[in-house]
Every structure is written in C-alpha cells, then in structure tokens.
Amino acid sequence: MYSQVVASNTSVSPVSVSSLMQKLGPRAQQGSNPRCHWLTHGTRREVAGRLTGLAQGWGTVSEEDNWMPDGFCPPEEARLDESQKLVSAVADRGKLSKWWLAVPQRANTPNWDIASTCTVHGVQGGKGLLLVEAKAHHNELKNSAKGKQFQPNNASHDSRSNHHRIGAAIHEANTALTAQTKLCWALSRDKHYQMSNRFAWAWKLTELGYPVILVYLGFLKANEMHDRGTPFDSCDDWKECVKEHSQPLFPVQIWNQKWTVHGRAFVPCIHSLTMSYDAPI
C-alpha cells in the first residue's frame, strides 16, 4: 500500500506564510521539517483527515485526537516519555523513560517528526499511536545508517550508563520481535541506529498496551534540497530506498503488513507525499 498525494495550496497571504516559517528557525525551513508542520497546520478536521491519510487505512485520526507538532504554534518536539498529549498515563511515560535511559536527566529520548494518538483497526487495536519518520532526500536516509554517536574516552559516567541502557533496550526489542514475528531481526544501537530505535520504541509501546502504526514518510521532489542530497523522485524511488535501508535490520515482508506484538496491532508502512515546503497544504 504505497501512495502518492499531491498537496494543493490554499489562499493564505505571503506575509502570514512567512511569519509561520520564521517560527522554525533558519535551518528548519526547508526539507521534511516545514512539511511536517504544514501537514499539522489548519483546522482540526483538516489535520485529522491528513493524518488519517498517512495511516493508509490501518487506522483513523479524529478531531478529538492529539498530535505533535500542532502546526507552527508552538513547534515543540514530540517525545513520547514527556508528552501527556500523546501518552496520557504518567506511569507509562515513566516506564518509557526508565526503559531507555539510566539517567534521564542527562539525555533525551527520540524525537518524532509527527506523532498522534489514533484508533488502530483490528487485532486488539483501539486507541494507539501513529508515529511518523520523515525524509526529503537520499542523503538524509543514508546518513541515518550510522550507529549511535559515542566518544568513550570523553564520556561521563552518566553518558556511559545511558549508552549501555539504550543498547540493552534495543537488544530486548530485537529479541522479542524475532520471537513474536518468527522472522530474523538485527536492530542495533551501533548501526542503523535511527531506524532501530524507531522500531524498538514501537515494540515497547505495544508492550505497554498501545497499538502502533509506524510510517516512514518520503517527501517527493523536494528540489530545494539539491545542495544537500538527491531528492526522492517518485513513490517507487522512496519505497526502494527504504526497503534497501531496512534490509540489514529485518526482512522486507515486515513492511505494509499488520503484525501482532504483545497481542496488539503493529503496522510498519511506507508512504510518500508531494507538497511544497513553503506553502500551506
């Protein structure tokens, strides 16, 4: 289920568009970042409809759901262990933090490009989370193949402890996903760290009772990014890049299927959009 949607512009004055973009800061005004803010900018009905489209039929986002970012005001980061809007139970946020970090005060948990509460369909679905990782050019995906950056010679005790805890958390998720899907997984802190942590967090959420739709979203024809990398040209281009990138971590059949993990629905999927980085959707 791969699809491409072309966004159309609405009538918003250039002055108001410029003022919104200025809220992001200079380095965040091109590529995937502003596009994610535009996707969540508008009336609650409009945004819920767009996010439901990202779920590709696996779930629904309603006007009563919560999402981050919420347009451009405020452009805060979506961290699941910190946001009551996304994970309402204090106990669950605490479990996420302690699972990932030995010393939470000295480090951050992963930040999601878009995250929303949603209703996931079937297989012990119900209220869960839509999580989106977005990219706008080839190098952006290629560079995320690195392991977690760590300088052991200069690291503090807290940094070492957190580094070990993160490795243990990813290993735990990898072992469990291998057992629960009956397929071979190789999630790792030391290679393909970003995709590994995305899947590890999705796994942990199912353990806490939340069904998850995990979307790898490619923004197509982001030509303003040519100086940083080759933009994704088509839906098939993005799809093949993601499949190649994920091949060292798990079999390709993981994508675009509903899996049962801890008795909850887990759906990893690939999606693409064509839209402007500097105008409303």
C-alpha atoms as a PDB file:
ATOM      1  CA  MET A   1       0.000   0.000   0.000  1.00  0.00           C
ATOM      2  CA  TYR A   2       2.235   2.775  -1.285  1.00  0.00           C
ATOM      3  CA  SER A   3       0.611   6.021  -2.356  1.00  0.00           C
ATOM      4  CA  GLN A   4       1.487   9.485  -3.526  1.00  0.00           C
ATOM      5  CA  VAL A   5      -0.634  12.528  -2.714  1.00  0.00           C
ATOM      6  CA  VAL A   6      -0.070  15.919  -4.310  1.00  0.00           C
ATOM      7  CA  ALA A   7      -0.861  18.730  -1.913  1.00  0.00           C
ATOM      8  CA  SER A   8      -2.770  21.748  -3.168  1.00  0.00           C
ATOM      9  CA  ASN A   9      -2.283  25.283  -1.875  1.00  0.00           C
ATOM     10  CA  THR A  10      -4.989  27.323  -0.192  1.00  0.00           C
ATOM     11  CA  SER A  11      -5.313  31.087  -0.161  1.00  0.00           C
ATOM     12  CA  VAL A  12      -3.043  32.305   2.629  1.00  0.00           C
ATOM     13  CA  SER A  13      -1.225  35.619   2.342  1.00  0.00           C
ATOM     14  CA  PRO A  14       2.561  35.563   1.726  1.00  0.00           C
ATOM     15  CA  VAL A  15       3.016  37.627   4.900  1.00  0.00           C
ATOM     16  CA  SER A  16       1.266  35.052   7.106  1.00  0.00           C
ATOM     17  CA  VAL A  17       3.160  32.175   5.476  1.00  0.00           C
ATOM     18  CA  SER A  18       6.479  33.940   6.083  1.00  0.00           C
ATOM     19  CA  SER A  19       5.647  34.620   9.731  1.00  0.00           C
ATOM     20  CA  LEU A  20       4.827  30.953  10.279  1.00  0.00           C
ATOM     21  CA  MET A  21       8.077  29.782   8.673  1.00  0.00           C
ATOM     22  CA  GLN A  22      10.115  32.158  10.835  1.00  0.00           C
ATOM     23  CA  LYS A  23       8.988  30.231  13.910  1.00  0.00           C
ATOM     24  CA  LEU A  24      11.075  27.255  12.787  1.00  0.00           C
ATOM     25  CA  GLY A  25      14.493  28.877  12.692  1.00  0.00           C
ATOM     26  CA  PRO A  26      16.826  29.126   9.657  1.00  0.00           C
ATOM     27  CA  ARG A  27      17.998  25.503   9.459  1.00  0.00           C
ATOM     28  CA  ALA A  28      14.497  24.053   9.766  1.00  0.00           C
ATOM     29  CA  GLN A  29      12.800  25.999   6.976  1.00  0.00           C
ATOM     30  CA  GLN A  30      13.452  23.507   4.172  1.00  0.00           C
ATOM     31  CA  GLY A  31      13.114  19.787   3.628  1.00  0.00           C
ATOM     32  CA  SER A  32      10.986  17.490   5.741  1.00  0.00           C
ATOM     33  CA  ASN A  33      10.728  19.741   8.814  1.00  0.00           C
ATOM     34  CA  PRO A  34       8.463  22.513   7.459  1.00  0.00           C
ATOM     35  CA  ARG A  35       6.410  19.995   5.507  1.00  0.00           C
ATOM     36  CA  CYS A  36       5.595  18.159   8.738  1.00  0.00           C
ATOM     37  CA  HIS A  37       4.474  21.447  10.289  1.00  0.00           C
ATOM     38  CA  TRP A  38       2.311  22.262   7.269  1.00  0.00           C
ATOM     39  CA  LEU A  39       0.699  18.814   7.487  1.00  0.00           C
ATOM     40  CA  THR A  40      -0.445  19.590  11.025  1.00  0.00           C
ATOM     41  CA  HIS A  41      -1.417  23.213  10.307  1.00  0.00           C
ATOM     42  CA  GLY A  42      -5.104  24.017   9.820  1.00  0.00           C
ATOM     43  CA  THR A  43      -8.446  23.179  11.361  1.00  0.00           C
ATOM     44  CA  ARG A  44      -8.683  20.059  13.478  1.00  0.00           C
ATOM     45  CA  ARG A  45     -10.875  18.455  10.841  1.00  0.00           C
ATOM     46  CA  GLU A  46      -8.328  19.175   8.095  1.00  0.00           C
ATOM     47  CA  VAL A  47      -5.359  17.878  10.095  1.00  0.00           C
ATOM     48  CA  ALA A  48      -7.202  14.766  11.282  1.00  0.00           C
ATOM     49  CA  GLY A  49      -8.030  13.966   7.662  1.00  0.00           C
ATOM     50  CA  ARG A  50      -4.401  14.353   6.542  1.00  0.00           C
ATOM     51  CA  LEU A  51      -3.068  12.188   9.363  1.00  0.00           C
ATOM     52  CA  THR A  52      -5.716   9.548   8.676  1.00  0.00           C
ATOM     53  CA  GLY A  53      -4.384   9.523   5.112  1.00  0.00           C
ATOM     54  CA  LEU A  54      -0.878   8.798   6.408  1.00  0.00           C
ATOM     55  CA  ALA A  55      -2.292   5.771   8.270  1.00  0.00           C
ATOM     56  CA  GLN A  56      -3.224   4.273   4.874  1.00  0.00           C
ATOM     57  CA  GLY A  57      -6.388   2.526   6.014  1.00  0.00           C
ATOM     58  CA  TRP A  58      -4.785   0.895   9.058  1.00  0.00           C
ATOM     59  CA  GLY A  59      -6.205   3.458  11.460  1.00  0.00           C
ATOM     60  CA  THR A  60      -8.080   6.716  11.934  1.00  0.00           C
ATOM     61  CA  VAL A  61      -7.205  10.070  13.475  1.00  0.00           C
ATOM     62  CA  SER A  62     -10.214  12.048  14.705  1.00  0.00           C
ATOM     63  CA  GLU A  63     -10.667  15.700  15.630  1.00  0.00           C
ATOM     64  CA  GLU A  64     -10.548  14.618  19.288  1.00  0.00           C
ATOM     65  CA  ASP A  65      -7.082  13.097  18.947  1.00  0.00           C
ATOM     66  CA  ASN A  66      -3.857  14.898  19.900  1.00  0.00           C
ATOM     67  CA  TRP A  67      -0.861  15.388  17.640  1.00  0.00           C
ATOM     68  CA  MET A  68       2.574  16.938  17.628  1.00  0.00           C
ATOM     69  CA  PRO A  69       3.656  19.184  16.144  1.00  0.00           C
ATOM     70  CA  ASP A  70       0.417  21.140  16.206  1.00  0.00           C
ATOM     71  CA  GLY A  71       1.052  23.340  13.207  1.00  0.00           C
ATOM     72  CA  PHE A  72       3.579  26.043  13.982  1.00  0.00           C
ATOM     73  CA  CYS A  73       2.412  27.083  17.467  1.00  0.00           C
ATOM     74  CA  PRO A  74       4.361  26.037  19.420  1.00  0.00           C
ATOM     75  CA  PRO A  75       6.836  23.997  17.315  1.00  0.00           C
ATOM     76  CA  GLU A  76       7.725  21.686  20.202  1.00  0.00           C
ATOM     77  CA  GLU A  77       9.373  18.272  19.873  1.00  0.00           C
ATOM     78  CA  ALA A  78       7.323  15.088  20.119  1.00  0.00           C
ATOM     79  CA  ARG A  79       8.925  12.919  22.808  1.00  0.00           C
ATOM     80  CA  LEU A  80       6.679  10.126  23.992  1.00  0.00           C
ATOM     81  CA  ASP A  81       8.066   9.922  27.523  1.00  0.00           C
ATOM     82  CA  GLU A  82       7.403  13.651  28.044  1.00  0.00           C
ATOM     83  CA  SER A  83       4.156  14.430  26.260  1.00  0.00           C
ATOM     84  CA  GLN A  84       0.922  13.958  28.187  1.00  0.00           C
ATOM     85  CA  LYS A  85      -0.915  14.738  24.946  1.00  0.00           C
ATOM     86  CA  LEU A  86       0.441  11.557  23.351  1.00  0.00           C
ATOM     87  CA  VAL A  87       0.894   9.158  26.290  1.00  0.00           C
ATOM     88  CA  SER A  88      -1.582  10.274  28.930  1.00  0.00           C
ATOM     89  CA  ALA A  89      -0.654   7.780  31.664  1.00  0.00           C
ATOM     90  CA  VAL A  90       2.106   9.120  33.923  1.00  0.00           C
ATOM     91  CA  ALA A  91       3.170   5.563  34.758  1.00  0.00           C
ATOM     92  CA  ASP A  92       3.624   4.673  31.089  1.00  0.00           C
ATOM     93  CA  ARG A  93       5.710   7.772  30.393  1.00  0.00           C
ATOM     94  CA  GLY A  94       7.892   6.853  33.359  1.00  0.00           C
ATOM     95  CA  LYS A  95       8.309   3.289  32.094  1.00  0.00           C
ATOM     96  CA  LEU A  96       9.360   4.536  28.667  1.00  0.00           C
ATOM     97  CA  SER A  97      11.958   6.858  30.159  1.00  0.00           C
ATOM     98  CA  LYS A  98      13.450   4.269  32.536  1.00  0.00           C
ATOM     99  CA  TRP A  99      13.498   1.613  29.824  1.00  0.00           C
ATOM    100  CA  TRP A 100      15.534   3.842  27.503  1.00  0.00           C
ATOM    101  CA  LEU A 101      17.748   5.861  29.853  1.00  0.00           C
ATOM    102  CA  ALA A 102      19.637   5.058  33.045  1.00  0.00           C
ATOM    103  CA  VAL A 103      19.976   8.771  33.872  1.00  0.00           C
ATOM    104  CA  PRO A 104      17.031  10.563  32.186  1.00  0.00           C
ATOM    105  CA  GLN A 105      18.090  13.994  33.470  1.00  0.00           C
ATOM    106  CA  ARG A 106      21.235  13.950  31.316  1.00  0.00           C
ATOM    107  CA  ALA A 107      19.905  12.781  27.938  1.00  0.00           C
ATOM    108  CA  ASN A 108      16.986  12.882  25.535  1.00  0.00           C
ATOM    109  CA  THR A 109      14.744  10.195  24.141  1.00  0.00           C
ATOM    110  CA  PRO A 110      13.993  10.003  20.389  1.00  0.00           C
ATOM    111  CA  ASN A 111      12.080  12.879  18.850  1.00  0.00           C
ATOM    112  CA  TRP A 112       9.370  12.043  16.294  1.00  0.00           C
ATOM    113  CA  ASP A 113       8.707  14.145  13.189  1.00  0.00           C
ATOM    114  CA  ILE A 114       4.965  13.653  13.666  1.00  0.00           C
ATOM    115  CA  ALA A 115       3.189  11.714  16.407  1.00  0.00           C
ATOM    116  CA  SER A 116      -0.545  11.447  17.009  1.00  0.00           C
ATOM    117  CA  THR A 117      -2.972   9.475  19.073  1.00  0.00           C
ATOM    118  CA  CYS A 118      -5.240   7.447  16.818  1.00  0.00           C
ATOM    119  CA  THR A 119      -7.553   4.465  16.595  1.00  0.00           C
ATOM    120  CA  VAL A 120      -5.823   1.411  15.109  1.00  0.00           C
ATOM    121  CA  HIS A 121      -8.055  -1.104  13.381  1.00  0.00           C
ATOM    122  CA  GLY A 122      -8.254  -4.780  14.359  1.00  0.00           C
ATOM    123  CA  VAL A 123      -6.038  -7.297  16.191  1.00  0.00           C
ATOM    124  CA  GLN A 124      -6.507  -5.712  19.624  1.00  0.00           C
ATOM    125  CA  GLY A 125      -6.387  -2.310  18.023  1.00  0.00           C
ATOM    126  CA  GLY A 126      -8.208   0.508  19.736  1.00  0.00           C
ATOM    127  CA  LYS A 127      -6.603   3.742  20.923  1.00  0.00           C
ATOM    128  CA  GLY A 128      -2.956   3.805  19.990  1.00  0.00           C
ATOM    129  CA  LEU A 129      -0.307   5.909  18.283  1.00  0.00           C
ATOM    130  CA  LEU A 130       0.569   6.982  14.759  1.00  0.00           C
ATOM    131  CA  LEU A 131       4.332   7.637  14.587  1.00  0.00           C
ATOM    132  CA  VAL A 132       5.976   9.252  11.557  1.00  0.00           C
ATOM    133  CA  GLU A 133       9.619   9.415  10.497  1.00  0.00           C
ATOM    134  CA  ALA A 134      10.007  11.755   7.501  1.00  0.00           C
ATOM    135  CA  LYS A 135      12.807  12.275   4.953  1.00  0.00           C
ATOM    136  CA  ALA A 136      13.223  14.593   1.961  1.00  0.00           C
ATOM    137  CA  HIS A 137      16.368  13.416   0.128  1.00  0.00           C
ATOM    138  CA  HIS A 138      18.603  10.371  -0.312  1.00  0.00           C
ATOM    139  CA  ASN A 139      21.431  11.538   1.937  1.00  0.00           C
ATOM    140  CA  GLU A 140      19.013  12.125   4.796  1.00  0.00           C
ATOM    141  CA  LEU A 141      18.137   8.430   4.800  1.00  0.00           C
ATOM    142  CA  LYS A 142      21.705   7.298   4.012  1.00  0.00           C
ATOM    143  CA  ASN A 143      23.189   9.301   6.894  1.00  0.00           C
ATOM    144  CA  SER A 144      20.795   7.674   9.349  1.00  0.00           C
ATOM    145  CA  ALA A 145      22.555   4.333   8.752  1.00  0.00           C
ATOM    146  CA  LYS A 146      25.186   5.348  11.304  1.00  0.00           C
ATOM    147  CA  GLY A 147      25.363   3.905  14.779  1.00  0.00           C
ATOM    148  CA  LYS A 148      24.672   5.997  17.853  1.00  0.00           C
ATOM    149  CA  GLN A 149      27.440   8.576  18.216  1.00  0.00           C
ATOM    150  CA  PHE A 150      29.518   7.998  21.341  1.00  0.00           C
ATOM    151  CA  GLN A 151      33.011   9.068  22.433  1.00  0.00           C
ATOM    152  CA  PRO A 152      34.031   6.571  25.162  1.00  0.00           C
ATOM    153  CA  ASN A 153      37.263   8.356  26.073  1.00  0.00           C
ATOM    154  CA  ASN A 154      35.454  11.597  26.881  1.00  0.00           C
ATOM    155  CA  ALA A 155      32.181  10.196  28.151  1.00  0.00           C
ATOM    156  CA  SER A 156      30.902  10.841  31.649  1.00  0.00           C
ATOM    157  CA  HIS A 157      29.628   8.054  33.867  1.00  0.00           C
ATOM    158  CA  ASP A 158      26.049   9.123  33.115  1.00  0.00           C
ATOM    159  CA  SER A 159      26.674   9.065  29.367  1.00  0.00           C
ATOM    160  CA  ARG A 160      28.201   5.602  29.583  1.00  0.00           C
ATOM    161  CA  SER A 161      25.255   4.360  31.618  1.00  0.00           C
ATOM    162  CA  ASN A 162      22.754   5.746  29.136  1.00  0.00           C
ATOM    163  CA  HIS A 163      24.683   4.330  26.184  1.00  0.00           C
ATOM    164  CA  HIS A 164      24.598   0.855  27.734  1.00  0.00           C
ATOM    165  CA  ARG A 165      20.916   1.170  28.643  1.00  0.00           C
ATOM    166  CA  ILE A 166      19.967   2.142  25.103  1.00  0.00           C
ATOM    167  CA  GLY A 167      21.892  -0.826  23.739  1.00  0.00           C
ATOM    168  CA  ALA A 168      20.100  -3.130  26.158  1.00  0.00           C
ATOM    169  CA  ALA A 169      16.681  -1.682  25.264  1.00  0.00           C
ATOM    170  CA  ILE A 170      17.236  -2.180  21.534  1.00  0.00           C
ATOM    171  CA  HIS A 171      18.553  -5.699  22.129  1.00  0.00           C
ATOM    172  CA  GLU A 172      15.461  -6.510  24.206  1.00  0.00           C
ATOM    173  CA  ALA A 173      13.164  -5.267  21.451  1.00  0.00           C
ATOM    174  CA  ASN A 174      15.141  -7.146  18.792  1.00  0.00           C
ATOM    175  CA  THR A 175      14.964 -10.451  20.674  1.00  0.00           C
ATOM    176  CA  ALA A 176      11.236 -10.077  21.300  1.00  0.00           C
ATOM    177  CA  LEU A 177      10.396  -9.076  17.710  1.00  0.00           C
ATOM    178  CA  THR A 178      12.328 -12.098  16.422  1.00  0.00           C
ATOM    179  CA  ALA A 179      10.277 -14.353  18.679  1.00  0.00           C
ATOM    180  CA  GLN A 180       6.929 -12.659  18.057  1.00  0.00           C
ATOM    181  CA  THR A 181       7.131 -12.363  14.258  1.00  0.00           C
ATOM    182  CA  LYS A 182       9.065 -15.621  13.710  1.00  0.00           C
ATOM    183  CA  LEU A 183      11.461 -13.677  11.481  1.00  0.00           C
ATOM    184  CA  CYS A 184      15.106 -12.714  11.904  1.00  0.00           C
ATOM    185  CA  TRP A 185      15.706  -9.183  13.214  1.00  0.00           C
ATOM    186  CA  ALA A 186      19.008  -7.312  13.716  1.00  0.00           C
ATOM    187  CA  LEU A 187      18.106  -3.983  15.346  1.00  0.00           C
ATOM    188  CA  SER A 188      21.219  -2.348  16.746  1.00  0.00           C
ATOM    189  CA  ARG A 189      22.471   0.668  18.662  1.00  0.00           C
ATOM    190  CA  ASP A 190      25.714   0.530  16.685  1.00  0.00           C
ATOM    191  CA  LYS A 191      24.372   0.556  13.115  1.00  0.00           C
ATOM    192  CA  HIS A 192      21.216   1.957  11.526  1.00  0.00           C
ATOM    193  CA  TYR A 193      20.533   3.472  14.918  1.00  0.00           C
ATOM    194  CA  GLN A 194      17.661   5.732  13.916  1.00  0.00           C
ATOM    195  CA  MET A 195      15.514   3.045  12.285  1.00  0.00           C
ATOM    196  CA  SER A 196      16.473   0.617  15.052  1.00  0.00           C
ATOM    197  CA  ASN A 197      15.274   2.990  17.747  1.00  0.00           C
ATOM    198  CA  ARG A 198      12.037   3.692  15.839  1.00  0.00           C
ATOM    199  CA  PHE A 199      11.141   0.021  15.740  1.00  0.00           C
ATOM    200  CA  ALA A 200      12.321  -0.554  19.308  1.00  0.00           C
ATOM    201  CA  TRP A 201      10.053   2.210  20.601  1.00  0.00           C
ATOM    202  CA  ALA A 202       7.101   0.895  18.614  1.00  0.00           C
ATOM    203  CA  TRP A 203       7.708  -2.527  20.171  1.00  0.00           C
ATOM    204  CA  LYS A 204       7.862  -1.084  23.691  1.00  0.00           C
ATOM    205  CA  LEU A 205       4.601   0.785  23.175  1.00  0.00           C
ATOM    206  CA  THR A 206       2.828  -2.453  22.258  1.00  0.00           C
ATOM    207  CA  GLU A 207       4.185  -3.979  25.468  1.00  0.00           C
ATOM    208  CA  LEU A 208       2.541  -1.113  27.366  1.00  0.00           C
ATOM    209  CA  GLY A 209      -0.754  -1.815  25.586  1.00  0.00           C
ATOM    210  CA  TYR A 210      -0.661   0.705  22.713  1.00  0.00           C
ATOM    211  CA  PRO A 211      -1.199  -0.490  19.133  1.00  0.00           C
ATOM    212  CA  VAL A 212       1.135   1.369  16.754  1.00  0.00           C
ATOM    213  CA  ILE A 213       1.198   2.481  13.130  1.00  0.00           C
ATOM    214  CA  LEU A 214       4.794   3.390  12.221  1.00  0.00           C
ATOM    215  CA  VAL A 215       5.072   5.377   8.971  1.00  0.00           C
ATOM    216  CA  TYR A 216       8.250   6.057   7.018  1.00  0.00           C
ATOM    217  CA  LEU A 217       7.203   9.123   5.034  1.00  0.00           C
ATOM    218  CA  GLY A 218       9.101  10.344   1.990  1.00  0.00           C
ATOM    219  CA  PHE A 219       8.521  13.867   0.711  1.00  0.00           C
ATOM    220  CA  LEU A 220       8.959  13.728  -3.055  1.00  0.00           C
ATOM    221  CA  LYS A 221      10.545  16.306  -5.360  1.00  0.00           C
ATOM    222  CA  ALA A 222      11.929  18.413  -2.515  1.00  0.00           C
ATOM    223  CA  ASN A 223      14.093  20.213  -5.058  1.00  0.00           C
ATOM    224  CA  GLU A 224      15.179  22.943  -2.638  1.00  0.00           C
ATOM    225  CA  MET A 225      17.337  20.234  -1.007  1.00  0.00           C
ATOM    226  CA  HIS A 226      19.514  19.553  -4.092  1.00  0.00           C
ATOM    227  CA  ASP A 227      22.562  21.062  -2.382  1.00  0.00           C
ATOM    228  CA  ARG A 228      22.299  18.507   0.449  1.00  0.00           C
ATOM    229  CA  GLY A 229      21.274  15.386  -1.440  1.00  0.00           C
ATOM    230  CA  THR A 230      19.240  13.987  -4.310  1.00  0.00           C
ATOM    231  CA  PRO A 231      15.512  14.451  -3.691  1.00  0.00           C
ATOM    232  CA  PHE A 232      13.279  11.406  -3.919  1.00  0.00           C
ATOM    233  CA  ASP A 233      11.809  11.371  -7.408  1.00  0.00           C
ATOM    234  CA  SER A 234       8.822   9.052  -7.106  1.00  0.00           C
ATOM    235  CA  CYS A 235       6.859   6.786  -4.832  1.00  0.00           C
ATOM    236  CA  ASP A 236       8.828   3.794  -6.141  1.00  0.00           C
ATOM    237  CA  ASP A 237      12.138   5.609  -5.600  1.00  0.00           C
ATOM    238  CA  TRP A 238      11.273   6.226  -1.932  1.00  0.00           C
ATOM    239  CA  LYS A 239       9.891   2.730  -1.444  1.00  0.00           C
ATOM    240  CA  GLU A 240      13.028   1.066  -2.792  1.00  0.00           C
ATOM    241  CA  CYS A 241      15.309   3.330  -0.748  1.00  0.00           C
ATOM    242  CA  VAL A 242      13.513   2.449   2.481  1.00  0.00           C
ATOM    243  CA  LYS A 243      13.481  -1.257   1.699  1.00  0.00           C
ATOM    244  CA  GLU A 244      17.217  -1.207   0.908  1.00  0.00           C
ATOM    245  CA  HIS A 245      17.953   0.801   4.055  1.00  0.00           C
ATOM    246  CA  SER A 246      15.989  -1.606   6.259  1.00  0.00           C
ATOM    247  CA  GLN A 247      17.372  -4.800   4.705  1.00  0.00           C
ATOM    248  CA  PRO A 248      20.211  -5.200   7.256  1.00  0.00           C
ATOM    249  CA  LEU A 249      17.693  -4.927  10.111  1.00  0.00           C
ATOM    250  CA  PHE A 250      14.750  -7.159   9.147  1.00  0.00           C
ATOM    251  CA  PRO A 251      13.134  -8.934   6.166  1.00  0.00           C
ATOM    252  CA  VAL A 252      11.315  -6.801   3.611  1.00  0.00           C
ATOM    253  CA  GLN A 253       7.981  -8.502   4.315  1.00  0.00           C
ATOM    254  CA  ILE A 254       7.777  -6.612   7.615  1.00  0.00           C
ATOM    255  CA  TRP A 255       6.594  -3.541   5.691  1.00  0.00           C
ATOM    256  CA  ASN A 256       2.947  -2.826   4.972  1.00  0.00           C
ATOM    257  CA  GLN A 257       1.550  -5.687   6.983  1.00  0.00           C
ATOM    258  CA  LYS A 258      -0.217  -5.833  10.300  1.00  0.00           C
ATOM    259  CA  TRP A 259       1.710  -7.798  12.930  1.00  0.00           C
ATOM    260  CA  THR A 260       0.554  -8.909  16.343  1.00  0.00           C
ATOM    261  CA  VAL A 261       3.062  -7.898  19.032  1.00  0.00           C
ATOM    262  CA  HIS A 262       2.173  -8.370  22.693  1.00  0.00           C
ATOM    263  CA  GLY A 263      -1.339  -9.045  21.436  1.00  0.00           C
ATOM    264  CA  ARG A 264      -1.512  -5.560  19.888  1.00  0.00           C
ATOM    265  CA  ALA A 265      -1.533  -4.398  16.290  1.00  0.00           C
ATOM    266  CA  PHE A 266       1.795  -3.138  14.942  1.00  0.00           C
ATOM    267  CA  VAL A 267       1.849  -1.813  11.370  1.00  0.00           C
ATOM    268  CA  PRO A 268       5.107  -0.544   9.786  1.00  0.00           C
ATOM    269  CA  CYS A 269       4.354   1.140   6.461  1.00  0.00           C
ATOM    270  CA  ILE A 270       5.909   3.249   3.720  1.00  0.00           C
ATOM    271  CA  HIS A 271       4.152   6.330   2.373  1.00  0.00           C
ATOM    272  CA  SER A 272       5.018   9.312   0.181  1.00  0.00           C
ATOM    273  CA  LEU A 273       3.734  12.825  -0.471  1.00  0.00           C
ATOM    274  CA  THR A 274       4.480  15.618  -2.912  1.00  0.00           C
ATOM    275  CA  MET A 275       3.984  19.044  -1.336  1.00  0.00           C
ATOM    276  CA  SER A 276       5.666  22.418  -1.073  1.00  0.00           C
ATOM    277  CA  TYR A 277       7.924  23.260   1.847  1.00  0.00           C
ATOM    278  CA  ASP A 278       6.902  26.919   1.960  1.00  0.00           C
ATOM    279  CA  ALA A 279       3.130  26.998   1.489  1.00  0.00           C
ATOM    280  CA  PRO A 280       0.062  25.626   3.273  1.00  0.00           C
ATOM    281  CA  ILE A 281      -1.344  22.282   2.217  1.00  0.00           C
END
